C-alpha atoms as a PDB file:
ATOM      1  CA  MET A   1      14.519  42.754  39.335  1.00  0.00           C
ATOM      2  CA  GLY A   2      10.773  43.396  39.442  1.00  0.00           C
ATOM      3  CA  ILE A   3       8.135  41.124  40.918  1.00  0.00           C
ATOM      4  CA  GLY A   4       6.939  40.099  37.467  1.00  0.00           C
ATOM      5  CA  ARG A   5      10.426  39.037  36.395  1.00  0.00           C
ATOM      6  CA  LEU A   6      10.959  37.133  39.679  1.00  0.00           C
ATOM      7  CA  VAL A   7       7.682  35.212  39.284  1.00  0.00           C
ATOM      8  CA  ARG A   8       8.565  34.468  35.660  1.00  0.00           C
ATOM      9  CA  ASN A   9      11.984  33.076  36.575  1.00  0.00           C
ATOM     10  CA  ARG A  10      10.637  30.866  39.362  1.00  0.00           C
ATOM     11  CA  LEU A  11       7.847  29.547  37.157  1.00  0.00           C
ATOM     12  CA  PHE A  12      10.316  28.720  34.376  1.00  0.00           C
ATOM     13  CA  LEU A  13      12.593  26.960  36.881  1.00  0.00           C
ATOM     14  CA  ALA A  14       9.709  24.873  38.237  1.00  0.00           C
ATOM     15  CA  ILE A  15       8.609  23.831  34.746  1.00  0.00           C
ATOM     16  CA  ARG A  16      12.141  22.898  33.669  1.00  0.00           C
ATOM     17  CA  LEU A  17      12.798  20.892  36.843  1.00  0.00           C
ATOM     18  CA  SER A  18       9.545  18.958  36.401  1.00  0.00           C
ATOM     19  CA  LEU A  19      10.484  18.213  32.791  1.00  0.00           C
ATOM     20  CA  ALA A  20      13.994  17.087  33.785  1.00  0.00           C
ATOM     21  CA  PHE A  21      12.658  14.741  36.488  1.00  0.00           C
ATOM     22  CA  SER A  22      10.084  13.336  34.083  1.00  0.00           C
ATOM     23  CA  ILE A  23      12.691  12.686  31.381  1.00  0.00           C
ATOM     24  CA  ILE A  24      15.027  10.942  33.839  1.00  0.00           C
ATOM     25  CA  GLY A  25      12.192   8.894  35.311  1.00  0.00           C
ATOM     26  CA  ASN A  26      10.974   7.709  31.924  1.00  0.00           C
ATOM     27  CA  VAL A  27      14.537   6.783  30.890  1.00  0.00           C
ATOM     28  CA  VAL A  28      14.910   4.673  34.052  1.00  0.00           C
ATOM     29  CA  VAL A  29      11.563   2.949  33.476  1.00  0.00           C
ATOM     30  CA  ALA A  30      12.414   2.271  29.826  1.00  0.00           C
ATOM     31  CA  LEU A  31      15.772   0.733  30.779  1.00  0.00           C
ATOM     32  CA  ARG A  32      14.154  -1.470  33.405  1.00  0.00           C
ATOM     33  CA  MET A  33      11.526  -2.624  30.928  1.00  0.00           C
ATOM     34  CA  ALA A  34      14.168  -3.389  28.303  1.00  0.00           C
ATOM     35  CA  PHE A  35      16.661  -5.219  30.496  1.00  0.00           C
ATOM     36  CA  GLY A  36      15.068  -6.116  33.815  1.00  0.00           C
ATOM     37  CA  ASP A  37      11.448  -7.183  33.274  1.00  0.00           C
ATOM     38  CA  ALA A  38      11.536 -10.867  32.384  1.00  0.00           C
ATOM     39  CA  ASP A  39       7.859 -11.514  33.145  1.00  0.00           C
ATOM     40  CA  ALA A  40       6.440  -9.213  30.465  1.00  0.00           C
ATOM     41  CA  SER A  41       5.992 -10.416  26.916  1.00  0.00           C
ATOM     42  CA  GLY A  42       7.845  -8.962  23.958  1.00  0.00           C
ATOM     43  CA  VAL A  43       4.725  -7.194  22.691  1.00  0.00           C
ATOM     44  CA  GLU A  44       4.081  -5.580  26.080  1.00  0.00           C
ATOM     45  CA  ILE A  45       7.686  -4.473  26.374  1.00  0.00           C
ATOM     46  CA  ALA A  46       7.662  -2.993  22.849  1.00  0.00           C
ATOM     47  CA  ARG A  47       4.405  -1.124  23.523  1.00  0.00           C
ATOM     48  CA  GLU A  48       5.677   0.235  26.844  1.00  0.00           C
ATOM     49  CA  LEU A  49       9.014   1.259  25.342  1.00  0.00           C
ATOM     50  CA  ALA A  50       7.279   3.087  22.480  1.00  0.00           C
ATOM     51  CA  GLU A  51       5.117   4.995  24.975  1.00  0.00           C
ATOM     52  CA  ARG A  52       8.091   5.872  27.186  1.00  0.00           C
ATOM     53  CA  MET A  53      10.127   6.980  24.194  1.00  0.00           C
ATOM     54  CA  GLU A  54       7.305   9.279  23.150  1.00  0.00           C
ATOM     55  CA  PHE A  55       7.239  10.804  26.653  1.00  0.00           C
ATOM     56  CA  ILE A  56      11.018  11.247  26.580  1.00  0.00           C
ATOM     57  CA  ILE A  57      11.059  12.852  23.119  1.00  0.00           C
ATOM     58  CA  TRP A  58       8.288  15.319  23.889  1.00  0.00           C
ATOM     59  CA  GLY A  59       9.837  16.061  27.278  1.00  0.00           C
ATOM     60  CA  VAL A  60      13.175  16.920  25.679  1.00  0.00           C
ATOM     61  CA  VAL A  61      11.512  18.993  22.949  1.00  0.00           C
ATOM     62  CA  THR A  62       9.444  20.893  25.530  1.00  0.00           C
ATOM     63  CA  PHE A  63      12.483  21.434  27.757  1.00  0.00           C
ATOM     64  CA  ILE A  64      14.437  22.941  24.855  1.00  0.00           C
ATOM     65  CA  LEU A  65      11.548  25.146  23.733  1.00  0.00           C
ATOM     66  CA  THR A  66      11.159  26.660  27.221  1.00  0.00           C
ATOM     67  CA  PHE A  67      14.440  28.465  26.520  1.00  0.00           C
ATOM     68  CA  GLY A  68      13.165  29.770  23.173  1.00  0.00           C
ATOM     69  CA  SER A  69      11.949  33.187  24.334  1.00  0.00           C
ATOM     70  CA  GLU A  70      15.175  33.871  26.261  1.00  0.00           C
ATOM     71  CA  TYR A  71      17.279  32.831  23.264  1.00  0.00           C
ATOM     72  CA  ILE A  72      15.309  35.133  20.967  1.00  0.00           C
ATOM     73  CA  GLU A  73      15.658  38.016  23.423  1.00  0.00           C
ATOM     74  CA  ARG A  74      19.438  37.639  23.543  1.00  0.00           C
ATOM     75  CA  ARG A  75      19.896  37.033  19.841  1.00  0.00           C
ATOM     76  CA  GLU A  76      17.587  39.783  18.600  1.00  0.00           C
ATOM     77  CA  ARG A  77      18.284  42.175  21.503  1.00  0.00           C
ATOM     78  CA  ILE A  78      14.632  42.595  22.415  1.00  0.00           C
ATOM     79  CA  ASP A  79      12.732  42.558  25.705  1.00  0.00           C
ATOM     80  CA  LEU A  80       9.483  40.619  25.440  1.00  0.00           C
ATOM     81  CA  PRO A  81       6.818  41.440  28.042  1.00  0.00           C
ATOM     82  CA  ASP A  82       6.955  39.028  30.989  1.00  0.00           C
ATOM     83  CA  ILE A  83       3.282  38.144  30.608  1.00  0.00           C
ATOM     84  CA  LEU A  84       3.800  37.166  26.963  1.00  0.00           C
ATOM     85  CA  GLU A  85       6.767  34.949  27.860  1.00  0.00           C
ATOM     86  CA  VAL A  86       4.816  33.250  30.659  1.00  0.00           C
ATOM     87  CA  VAL A  87       1.829  32.594  28.394  1.00  0.00           C
ATOM     88  CA  ILE A  88       4.070  31.154  25.667  1.00  0.00           C
ATOM     89  CA  VAL A  89       5.981  28.824  28.019  1.00  0.00           C
ATOM     90  CA  LEU A  90       2.810  27.647  29.780  1.00  0.00           C
ATOM     91  CA  PHE A  91       1.215  26.982  26.418  1.00  0.00           C
ATOM     92  CA  ILE A  92       4.239  24.969  25.254  1.00  0.00           C
ATOM     93  CA  PHE A  93       4.309  22.992  28.513  1.00  0.00           C
ATOM     94  CA  ALA A  94       0.581  22.223  28.429  1.00  0.00           C
ATOM     95  CA  GLY A  95       0.278  21.708  24.686  1.00  0.00           C
ATOM     96  CA  LEU A  96       3.317  19.503  24.112  1.00  0.00           C
ATOM     97  CA  PHE A  97       4.204  17.691  27.315  1.00  0.00           C
ATOM     98  CA  LEU A  98       1.113  17.536  29.542  1.00  0.00           C
ATOM     99  CA  SER A  99      -1.182  16.731  26.619  1.00  0.00           C
ATOM    100  CA  VAL A 100       0.921  13.701  25.625  1.00  0.00           C
ATOM    101  CA  ARG A 101       1.858  12.566  29.133  1.00  0.00           C
ATOM    102  CA  TYR A 102      -1.704  12.539  30.494  1.00  0.00           C
ATOM    103  CA  LYS A 103      -3.533  11.941  27.184  1.00  0.00           C
ATOM    104  CA  LEU A 104      -5.551  15.120  27.564  1.00  0.00           C
ATOM    105  CA  TYR A 105      -6.509  15.056  23.893  1.00  0.00           C
ATOM    106  CA  TYR A 106      -8.505  11.882  24.544  1.00  0.00           C
ATOM    107  CA  ARG A 107      -9.843  12.782  27.981  1.00  0.00           C
ATOM    108  CA  PHE A 108     -11.336  16.126  26.935  1.00  0.00           C
ATOM    109  CA  PHE A 109     -12.711  16.463  23.414  1.00  0.00           C
ATOM    110  CA  TRP A 110     -12.389  20.262  23.574  1.00  0.00           C
ATOM    111  CA  TRP A 111      -8.733  20.325  24.690  1.00  0.00           C
ATOM    112  CA  ASP A 112      -7.258  20.194  21.186  1.00  0.00           C
ATOM    113  CA  ASP A 113      -9.533  22.934  19.845  1.00  0.00           C
ATOM    114  CA  LEU A 114      -8.798  25.134  22.870  1.00  0.00           C
ATOM    115  CA  LEU A 115      -5.039  24.838  22.412  1.00  0.00           C
ATOM    116  CA  HIS A 116      -5.201  25.546  18.691  1.00  0.00           C
ATOM    117  CA  THR A 117      -7.400  28.598  19.242  1.00  0.00           C
ATOM    118  CA  ILE A 118      -4.996  29.973  21.855  1.00  0.00           C
ATOM    119  CA  SER A 119      -2.039  29.235  19.591  1.00  0.00           C
ATOM    120  CA  GLY A 120      -3.679  31.234  16.797  1.00  0.00           C
ATOM    121  CA  VAL A 121      -4.031  34.212  19.150  1.00  0.00           C
ATOM    122  CA  ILE A 122      -0.461  33.970  20.501  1.00  0.00           C
ATOM    123  CA  ILE A 123       1.205  33.487  17.115  1.00  0.00           C
ATOM    124  CA  GLY A 124      -0.874  36.297  15.659  1.00  0.00           C
ATOM    125  CA  PHE A 125       0.532  38.702  18.252  1.00  0.00           C
ATOM    126  CA  ILE A 126       4.034  37.406  17.543  1.00  0.00           C
ATOM    127  CA  GLY A 127       3.410  38.200  13.874  1.00  0.00           C
ATOM    128  CA  PHE A 128       2.372  41.694  14.962  1.00  0.00           C
ATOM    129  CA  ILE A 129       5.786  42.111  16.638  1.00  0.00           C
ATOM    130  CA  VAL A 130       7.541  40.663  13.573  1.00  0.00           C
ATOM    131  CA  ILE A 131       6.143  43.506  11.463  1.00  0.00           C
ATOM    132  CA  TYR A 132       7.932  46.049  13.635  1.00  0.00           C
ATOM    133  CA  ARG A 133      11.095  43.970  13.709  1.00  0.00           C
ATOM    134  CA  ILE A 134      11.209  43.956   9.910  1.00  0.00           C
ATOM    135  CA  ASN A 135      10.221  47.591   9.299  1.00  0.00           C
ATOM    136  CA  TYR A 136      11.904  49.460  12.144  1.00  0.00           C
ATOM    137  CA  ARG A 137      14.369  51.095   9.720  1.00  0.00           C
ATOM    138  CA  TYR A 138      11.537  52.398   7.563  1.00  0.00           C
ATOM    139  CA  SER A 139       8.249  54.157   7.967  1.00  0.00           C
ATOM    140  CA  MET A 140       5.556  52.381   9.983  1.00  0.00           C
ATOM    141  CA  ASP A 141       2.937  54.525   8.282  1.00  0.00           C
ATOM    142  CA  ILE A 142       1.311  51.445   6.752  1.00  0.00           C
ATOM    143  CA  SER A 143      -2.291  50.383   6.436  1.00  0.00           C
ATOM    144  CA  PRO A 144      -3.882  48.871   9.567  1.00  0.00           C
ATOM    145  CA  LEU A 145      -5.573  46.376   7.256  1.00  0.00           C
ATOM    146  CA  LEU A 146      -2.174  45.205   6.007  1.00  0.00           C
ATOM    147  CA  VAL A 147      -1.009  44.752   9.626  1.00  0.00           C
ATOM    148  CA  ALA A 148      -4.096  42.686  10.411  1.00  0.00           C
ATOM    149  CA  ILE A 149      -3.729  40.535   7.273  1.00  0.00           C
ATOM    150  CA  PHE A 150      -0.062  39.836   8.028  1.00  0.00           C
ATOM    151  CA  SER A 151      -0.861  38.792  11.619  1.00  0.00           C
ATOM    152  CA  PHE A 152      -3.614  36.495  10.374  1.00  0.00           C
ATOM    153  CA  THR A 153      -1.593  34.825   7.601  1.00  0.00           C
ATOM    154  CA  PHE A 154       1.483  34.483   9.854  1.00  0.00           C
ATOM    155  CA  ALA A 155      -0.523  32.545  12.460  1.00  0.00           C
ATOM    156  CA  VAL A 156      -2.365  30.370   9.931  1.00  0.00           C
ATOM    157  CA  THR A 157       0.867  29.503   8.096  1.00  0.00           C
ATOM    158  CA  LEU A 158       2.545  28.298  11.286  1.00  0.00           C
ATOM    159  CA  GLY A 159      -0.603  26.306  12.066  1.00  0.00           C
ATOM    160  CA  VAL A 160      -0.231  24.522   8.723  1.00  0.00           C
ATOM    161  CA  VAL A 161       3.447  23.826   9.464  1.00  0.00           C
ATOM    162  CA  TRP A 162       2.444  22.311  12.820  1.00  0.00           C
ATOM    163  CA  GLU A 163      -0.034  19.962  11.160  1.00  0.00           C
ATOM    164  CA  ILE A 164       2.711  18.825   8.775  1.00  0.00           C
ATOM    165  CA  LEU A 165       4.961  18.082  11.757  1.00  0.00           C
ATOM    166  CA  GLU A 166       2.173  16.107  13.444  1.00  0.00           C
ATOM    167  CA  PHE A 167       1.708  14.060  10.281  1.00  0.00           C
ATOM    168  CA  ALA A 168       5.444  13.363  10.054  1.00  0.00           C
ATOM    169  CA  CYS A 169       5.545  12.363  13.730  1.00  0.00           C
ATOM    170  CA  ASP A 170       2.665   9.911  13.223  1.00  0.00           C
ATOM    171  CA  VAL A 171       4.437   8.383  10.223  1.00  0.00           C
ATOM    172  CA  VAL A 172       7.834   8.034  11.920  1.00  0.00           C
ATOM    173  CA  LEU A 173       6.813   7.128  15.491  1.00  0.00           C
ATOM    174  CA  GLY A 174       3.477   5.471  14.844  1.00  0.00           C
ATOM    175  CA  SER A 175       1.749   7.945  17.158  1.00  0.00           C
ATOM    176  CA  ALA A 176      -1.767   9.332  16.747  1.00  0.00           C
ATOM    177  CA  HIS A 177      -1.397  13.092  17.041  1.00  0.00           C
ATOM    178  CA  GLN A 178      -3.798  13.560  14.139  1.00  0.00           C
ATOM    179  CA  LYS A 179      -6.386  11.288  15.787  1.00  0.00           C
ATOM    180  CA  TRP A 180      -6.571   8.849  12.869  1.00  0.00           C
ATOM    181  CA  ASN A 181      -7.544   6.032  15.262  1.00  0.00           C
ATOM    182  CA  LEU A 182     -10.737   7.552  16.687  1.00  0.00           C
ATOM    183  CA  PRO A 183     -14.122   5.880  16.143  1.00  0.00           C
ATOM    184  CA  PRO A 184     -16.403   7.300  13.414  1.00  0.00           C
ATOM    185  CA  ASP A 185     -18.800   8.775  16.006  1.00  0.00           C
ATOM    186  CA  ALA A 186     -16.065  10.879  17.675  1.00  0.00           C
ATOM    187  CA  MET A 187     -16.959  14.503  18.387  1.00  0.00           C
ATOM    188  CA  LEU A 188     -15.187  16.154  15.470  1.00  0.00           C
ATOM    189  CA  LEU A 189     -16.158  18.466  12.649  1.00  0.00           C
ATOM    190  CA  GLY A 190     -17.239  16.935   9.371  1.00  0.00           C
ATOM    191  CA  ARG A 191     -18.856  13.631   8.400  1.00  0.00           C
ATOM    192  CA  SER A 192     -17.978  10.187   9.704  1.00  0.00           C
ATOM    193  CA  TYR A 193     -16.987   8.906   6.233  1.00  0.00           C
ATOM    194  CA  GLN A 194     -14.237  11.544   6.019  1.00  0.00           C
ATOM    195  CA  GLY A 195     -12.103   9.771   8.606  1.00  0.00           C
ATOM    196  CA  SER A 196     -11.093  11.026  12.030  1.00  0.00           C
ATOM    197  CA  GLY A 197      -7.592  12.055  10.924  1.00  0.00           C
ATOM    198  CA  LEU A 198      -8.802  14.426   8.206  1.00  0.00           C
ATOM    199  CA  ARG A 199     -11.571  15.785  10.414  1.00  0.00           C
ATOM    200  CA  ASP A 200      -9.137  16.447  13.269  1.00  0.00           C
ATOM    201  CA  THR A 201      -6.646  18.195  10.980  1.00  0.00           C
ATOM    202  CA  MET A 202      -9.288  20.405   9.393  1.00  0.00           C
ATOM    203  CA  SER A 203     -10.859  21.295  12.749  1.00  0.00           C
ATOM    204  CA  ASP A 204      -7.396  22.263  14.025  1.00  0.00           C
ATOM    205  CA  LEU A 205      -6.806  24.537  11.038  1.00  0.00           C
ATOM    206  CA  ILE A 206     -10.259  26.077  11.376  1.00  0.00           C
ATOM    207  CA  VAL A 207      -9.847  26.960  15.064  1.00  0.00           C
ATOM    208  CA  ASP A 208      -6.298  28.162  14.306  1.00  0.00           C
ATOM    209  CA  SER A 209      -7.883  30.553  11.831  1.00  0.00           C
ATOM    210  CA  VAL A 210     -10.466  31.641  14.404  1.00  0.00           C
ATOM    211  CA  GLY A 211      -7.726  32.508  16.909  1.00  0.00           C
ATOM    212  CA  ALA A 212      -5.729  34.302  14.218  1.00  0.00           C
ATOM    213  CA  LEU A 213      -8.849  36.220  13.175  1.00  0.00           C
ATOM    214  CA  ILE A 214      -9.371  37.384  16.776  1.00  0.00           C
ATOM    215  CA  THR A 215      -5.810  38.695  16.860  1.00  0.00           C
ATOM    216  CA  SER A 216      -6.153  40.368  13.475  1.00  0.00           C
ATOM    217  CA  PHE A 217      -9.197  42.333  14.710  1.00  0.00           C
ATOM    218  CA  ILE A 218      -7.308  43.371  17.851  1.00  0.00           C
ATOM    219  CA  THR A 219      -4.178  44.411  15.943  1.00  0.00           C
ATOM    220  CA  TYR A 220      -6.285  46.331  13.430  1.00  0.00           C
ATOM    221  CA  TRP A 221      -7.938  48.284  16.237  1.00  0.00           C
ATOM    222  CA  MET A 222      -4.628  48.876  18.040  1.00  0.00           C
ATOM    223  CA  TYR A 223      -2.885  50.153  14.952  1.00  0.00           C
ATOM    224  CA  LYS A 224      -5.786  52.259  13.728  1.00  0.00           C
ATOM    225  CA  HIS A 225      -6.900  53.877  17.009  1.00  0.00           C
ATOM    226  CA  ARG A 226      -3.840  53.623  19.310  1.00  0.00           C
ATOM    227  CA  LYS A 227      -1.003  53.822  16.849  1.00  0.00           C
ATOM    228  CA  ARG A 228       1.303  56.153  18.772  1.00  0.00           C
ATOM    229  CA  LYS A 229       0.986  54.151  22.004  1.00  0.00           C
ATOM    230  CA  THR A 230       1.533  50.896  20.109  1.00  0.00           C
ATOM    231  CA  LEU A 231       4.724  52.215  18.521  1.00  0.00           C
ATOM    232  CA  ALA A 232       5.908  53.435  21.915  1.00  0.00           C
ATOM    233  CA  ASP A 233       5.303  49.954  23.349  1.00  0.00           C
ATOM    234  CA  MET A 234       7.329  48.444  20.524  1.00  0.00           C
ATOM    235  CA  ARG A 235      10.202  50.778  21.392  1.00  0.00           C
ATOM    236  CA  ARG A 236      10.148  49.429  24.949  1.00  0.00           C
ATOM    237  CA  ILE A 237      10.163  45.858  23.659  1.00  0.00           C
ATOM    238  CA  MET A 238      12.991  46.550  21.193  1.00  0.00           C
ATOM    239  CA  PRO A 239      15.061  49.328  22.820  1.00  0.00           C
ATOM    240  CA  GLU A 240      18.230  48.438  20.909  1.00  0.00           C
ATOM    241  CA  LEU A 241      16.647  49.070  17.535  1.00  0.00           C
ATOM    242  CA  VAL A 242      17.051  52.574  16.182  1.00  0.00           C
ATOM    243  CA  GLY A 243      15.220  53.680  13.092  1.00  0.00           C
ATOM    244  CA  PRO A 244      12.558  56.078  11.856  1.00  0.00           C
ATOM    245  CA  GLY A 245       9.946  53.345  11.935  1.00  0.00           C
ATOM    246  CA  MET A 246      10.329  53.065  15.724  1.00  0.00           C
ATOM    247  CA  ASP A 247       9.608  56.775  16.217  1.00  0.00           C
ATOM    248  CA  PRO A 248       5.929  57.423  17.031  1.00  0.00           C
ATOM    249  CA  GLU A 249       6.247  60.874  15.457  1.00  0.00           C
ATOM    250  CA  PHE A 250       7.697  59.558  12.192  1.00  0.00           C
ATOM    251  CA  PRO A 251       4.373  58.858  10.440  1.00  0.00           C
ATOM    252  CA  ARG A 252       3.382  62.473  11.052  1.00  0.00           C
ATOM    253  CA  ARG A 253       6.638  63.772   9.639  1.00  0.00           C
ATOM    254  CA  SER A 254       6.407  61.516   6.588  1.00  0.00           C
ATOM    255  CA  ARG A 255       3.239  63.172   5.281  1.00  0.00           C
ATOM    256  CA  PRO A 256       4.806  66.628   4.732  1.00  0.00           C
ATOM    257  CA  CYS A 257       7.588  64.911   2.812  1.00  0.00           C
ATOM    258  CA  ALA A 258       5.028  63.478   0.398  1.00  0.00           C
ATOM    259  CA  ALA A 259       3.369  66.874   0.105  1.00  0.00           C
ATOM    260  CA  ALA A 260       6.718  68.525  -0.552  1.00  0.00           C
ATOM    261  CA  LEU A 261       7.461  66.012  -3.298  1.00  0.00           C
ATOM    262  CA  ALA A 262       4.125  66.750  -4.966  1.00  0.00           C
ATOM    263  CA  ALA A 263       4.755  70.496  -4.673  1.00  0.00           C
ATOM    264  CA  SER A 264       8.176  70.176  -6.314  1.00  0.00           C
ATOM    265  CA  ARG A 265       6.611  68.343  -9.246  1.00  0.00           C
ATOM    266  CA  VAL A 266       4.056  71.109  -9.708  1.00  0.00           C
ATOM    267  CA  ALA A 267       6.835  73.712  -9.516  1.00  0.00           C
ATOM    268  CA  LYS A 268       8.774  71.968 -12.274  1.00  0.00           C
ATOM    269  CA  ARG A 269       5.738  71.945 -14.538  1.00  0.00           C
ATOM    270  CA  VAL A 270       5.148  75.651 -13.928  1.00  0.00           C
ATOM    271  CA  ALA A 271       8.811  76.434 -14.592  1.00  0.00           C
ATOM    272  CA  ARG A 272       8.722  74.584 -17.902  1.00  0.00           C
ATOM    273  CA  SER A 273       5.764  76.667 -19.105  1.00  0.00           C
ATOM    274  CA  SER A 274       7.146  80.060 -17.940  1.00  0.00           C
ATOM    275  CA  PRO A 275       7.877  82.818 -20.597  1.00  0.00           C
ATOM    276  CA  LEU A 276      11.627  82.670 -19.903  1.00  0.00           C
ATOM    277  CA  VAL A 277      11.797  78.948 -20.516  1.00  0.00           C
ATOM    278  CA  LEU A 278       9.693  79.262 -23.667  1.00  0.00           C
ATOM    279  CA  GLU A 279      11.956  82.047 -24.998  1.00  0.00           C
ATOM    280  CA  LEU A 280      15.061  79.955 -24.355  1.00  0.00           C
ATOM    281  CA  LYS A 281      13.480  77.071 -26.225  1.00  0.00           C
ATOM    282  CA  GLU A 282      12.854  79.314 -29.264  1.00  0.00           C
ATOM    283  CA  VAL A 283      16.486  80.502 -29.263  1.00  0.00           C
ATOM    284  CA  TRP A 284      17.670  76.902 -28.986  1.00  0.00           C
ATOM    285  CA  CYS A 285      15.527  75.868 -31.945  1.00  0.00           C
ATOM    286  CA  LYS A 286      16.813  78.766 -34.098  1.00  0.00           C
ATOM    287  CA  ILE A 287      20.424  77.871 -33.370  1.00  0.00           C
ATOM    288  CA  TYR A 288      20.041  74.205 -34.300  1.00  0.00           C
ATOM    289  CA  SER A 289      17.502  74.641 -37.131  1.00  0.00           C
END
């Protein structure tokens, strides 16, 4: 086991232990508030229970998602780079749990935009890997522009799905993930009359697109100028996959095949117009005339 893998495992263990302790602690506090605090009013108890339940739910969701990269590796038989796994898990931990637990969205006006920009970059690179996962059996001799567009649209689409989940969470739990309760003069894009919820959602989608656009430029450059090295890296990430699309030399071999196909078509046309073929046609016409 390399140093990178050892650091990754210890970091994951520390994050999961902190999440487990937080979930247990919030459950204990919620039970004490519900059954043991006779001095607090019903409204205070309900407010505290709602807050603790939110911490518990997001803690459980974050805890489960920290196993996501390992599950995908086992299921799809791939080997994600350690640095990518660490960045993903840290982002999940900071974006889901720490942001809710310590109200970072309200303490720092730039926190939400920063997370959405980073998410656009990360998901864009995941979309870049998805392209290889889908096309490994076929030729990867595809347009770099198409690779960049797919990475961009993949990241933006998942950003839209996230905003839908935030909206559903606000409706069901009465939370304020879409910042609908901010004052009109809050530091958000747009005009005050548009409402803080709409302004927050649109600013999230815009910075998601900015992050995705950054990744699309990077993937375009990688695929256009470092194609062979990029394909070789994909083979290291997905060693179990065998197919012509995973071979860095395959795009070079696919061009002569296209040329050979064109040459065969020309040969057929020449053969049809040869004197022997024309003479046979005349004999055929005389027989059946």
